[in-house]
Amino acid sequence: MNAYLALGVAIIAEVIATSALKASDGFTRLAPTAITVVGYGIAFFFLSITLKTIPTGIAYAIWSGVGIVLISAVGWFWFRQALDGPAMIGLGLIIAGVVVVNVFSKSVSH
């Protein structure tokens, strides 16, 4: 499996799991709790596949950076959580950081 495809699956699974974690209401709702556990399991499984090819620090930087941006978007859209100007600037800097790592770093295997 392509390492970046596996990383993408890991990121999506982590975002789903984190969204379900919020909806689980402190693990008091069964369905969101189950989705959280399964989602994190899938996320870590696919992250482990990614780490066979992509250096750990690079994979984790991409995984966490993209995950932060996506979960912030889910929080804004799904949970109606506000994002103010500084939050948007910070998220933009995270996106810029992921782009710099992927485009300019010699540590990333292309």
Protein backbone atom coordinates (compact mmCIF):
# COMPACT_ATOMS: atom_id res chain seq x y z
CA MET A 1 0.00 0.00 0.00
CA ASN A 2 1.22 3.50 -0.79
CA ALA A 3 2.51 5.15 2.39
CA TYR A 4 0.67 8.40 1.70
CA LEU A 5 -2.60 6.56 1.07
CA ALA A 6 -2.15 4.74 4.39
CA LEU A 7 -1.40 8.08 6.06
CA GLY A 8 -4.56 9.57 4.54
CA VAL A 9 -6.65 6.67 5.88
CA ALA A 10 -5.02 7.12 9.31
CA ILE A 11 -5.85 10.82 9.31
CA ILE A 12 -9.48 10.32 8.27
CA ALA A 13 -9.96 7.55 10.85
CA GLU A 14 -8.46 9.76 13.56
CA VAL A 15 -10.73 12.67 12.66
CA ILE A 16 -13.79 10.40 12.73
CA ALA A 17 -12.68 8.94 16.07
CA THR A 18 -12.07 12.36 17.59
CA SER A 19 -15.45 13.60 16.37
CA ALA A 20 -17.11 10.54 17.91
CA LEU A 21 -15.14 11.15 21.13
CA LYS A 22 -16.80 14.56 21.42
CA ALA A 23 -20.20 12.99 20.68
CA SER A 24 -19.62 10.19 23.22
CA ASP A 25 -20.28 12.68 26.03
CA GLY A 26 -17.54 11.34 28.28
CA PHE A 27 -18.02 7.72 27.12
CA THR A 28 -21.63 7.73 28.31
CA ARG A 29 -23.10 7.04 24.83
CA LEU A 30 -22.39 3.56 23.47
CA ALA A 31 -22.39 4.11 19.68
CA PRO A 32 -20.02 7.12 19.64
CA THR A 33 -17.79 5.37 22.18
CA ALA A 34 -17.55 2.28 19.94
CA ILE A 35 -16.80 4.46 16.90
CA THR A 36 -14.05 6.19 18.91
CA VAL A 37 -12.35 2.92 19.88
CA VAL A 38 -12.58 1.40 16.40
CA GLY A 39 -11.56 4.65 14.70
CA TYR A 40 -8.43 5.07 16.80
CA GLY A 41 -7.56 1.42 16.23
CA ILE A 42 -7.81 1.90 12.47
CA ALA A 43 -5.86 5.17 12.68
CA PHE A 44 -2.95 3.62 14.54
CA PHE A 45 -2.92 0.52 12.33
CA PHE A 46 -2.61 2.62 9.17
CA LEU A 47 -0.13 4.97 10.82
CA SER A 48 2.03 1.93 11.58
CA ILE A 49 1.96 1.02 7.87
CA THR A 50 3.00 4.58 7.03
CA LEU A 51 5.98 4.39 9.39
CA LYS A 52 7.51 1.55 7.35
CA THR A 53 8.31 4.12 4.65
CA ILE A 54 7.98 7.69 5.92
CA PRO A 55 10.24 8.85 8.79
CA THR A 56 8.38 8.97 12.12
CA GLY A 57 8.74 12.70 12.73
CA ILE A 58 7.61 13.59 9.21
CA ALA A 59 4.65 11.18 9.28
CA TYR A 60 3.57 12.42 12.69
CA ALA A 61 3.91 16.08 11.67
CA ILE A 62 1.69 15.50 8.65
CA TRP A 63 -0.76 13.30 10.60
CA SER A 64 -1.16 15.72 13.46
CA GLY A 65 -1.10 18.90 11.35
CA VAL A 66 -3.69 17.76 8.84
CA GLY A 67 -5.71 16.16 11.64
CA ILE A 68 -5.79 19.43 13.60
CA VAL A 69 -7.02 21.37 10.59
CA LEU A 70 -9.66 18.78 9.70
CA ILE A 71 -10.95 18.34 13.25
CA SER A 72 -11.15 22.12 13.59
CA ALA A 73 -13.26 22.21 10.43
CA VAL A 74 -15.48 19.41 11.77
CA GLY A 75 -15.83 21.25 15.08
CA TRP A 76 -16.79 24.43 13.26
CA PHE A 77 -19.24 22.76 10.88
CA TRP A 78 -20.68 19.86 12.91
CA PHE A 79 -20.46 21.08 16.51
CA ARG A 80 -20.86 24.82 15.71
CA GLN A 81 -17.65 25.72 17.53
CA ALA A 82 -16.40 29.21 16.68
CA LEU A 83 -13.01 29.85 15.07
CA ASP A 84 -11.79 33.41 15.58
CA GLY A 85 -9.12 35.26 13.63
CA PRO A 86 -6.13 34.02 15.62
CA ALA A 87 -7.40 30.43 15.33
CA MET A 88 -7.70 30.80 11.56
CA ILE A 89 -4.19 32.29 11.34
CA GLY A 90 -2.81 29.44 13.43
CA LEU A 91 -4.54 26.84 11.27
CA GLY A 92 -3.14 28.57 8.18
CA LEU A 93 0.35 28.33 9.65
CA ILE A 94 -0.16 24.62 10.34
CA ILE A 95 -1.18 24.10 6.70
CA ALA A 96 1.86 26.11 5.58
CA GLY A 97 4.09 23.95 7.77
CA VAL A 98 2.74 20.72 6.28
CA VAL A 99 3.27 22.11 2.77
CA VAL A 100 6.85 23.19 3.57
CA VAL A 101 7.67 19.75 5.00
CA ASN A 102 6.22 17.93 1.98
CA VAL A 103 7.51 20.21 -0.76
CA PHE A 104 10.93 21.29 0.49
CA SER A 105 12.18 18.71 2.99
CA LYS A 106 14.65 16.13 1.76
CA SER A 107 13.47 13.92 4.64
CA VAL A 108 10.22 13.15 2.82
CA SER A 109 10.36 10.32 0.32
CA HIS A 110 8.55 11.33 -2.87
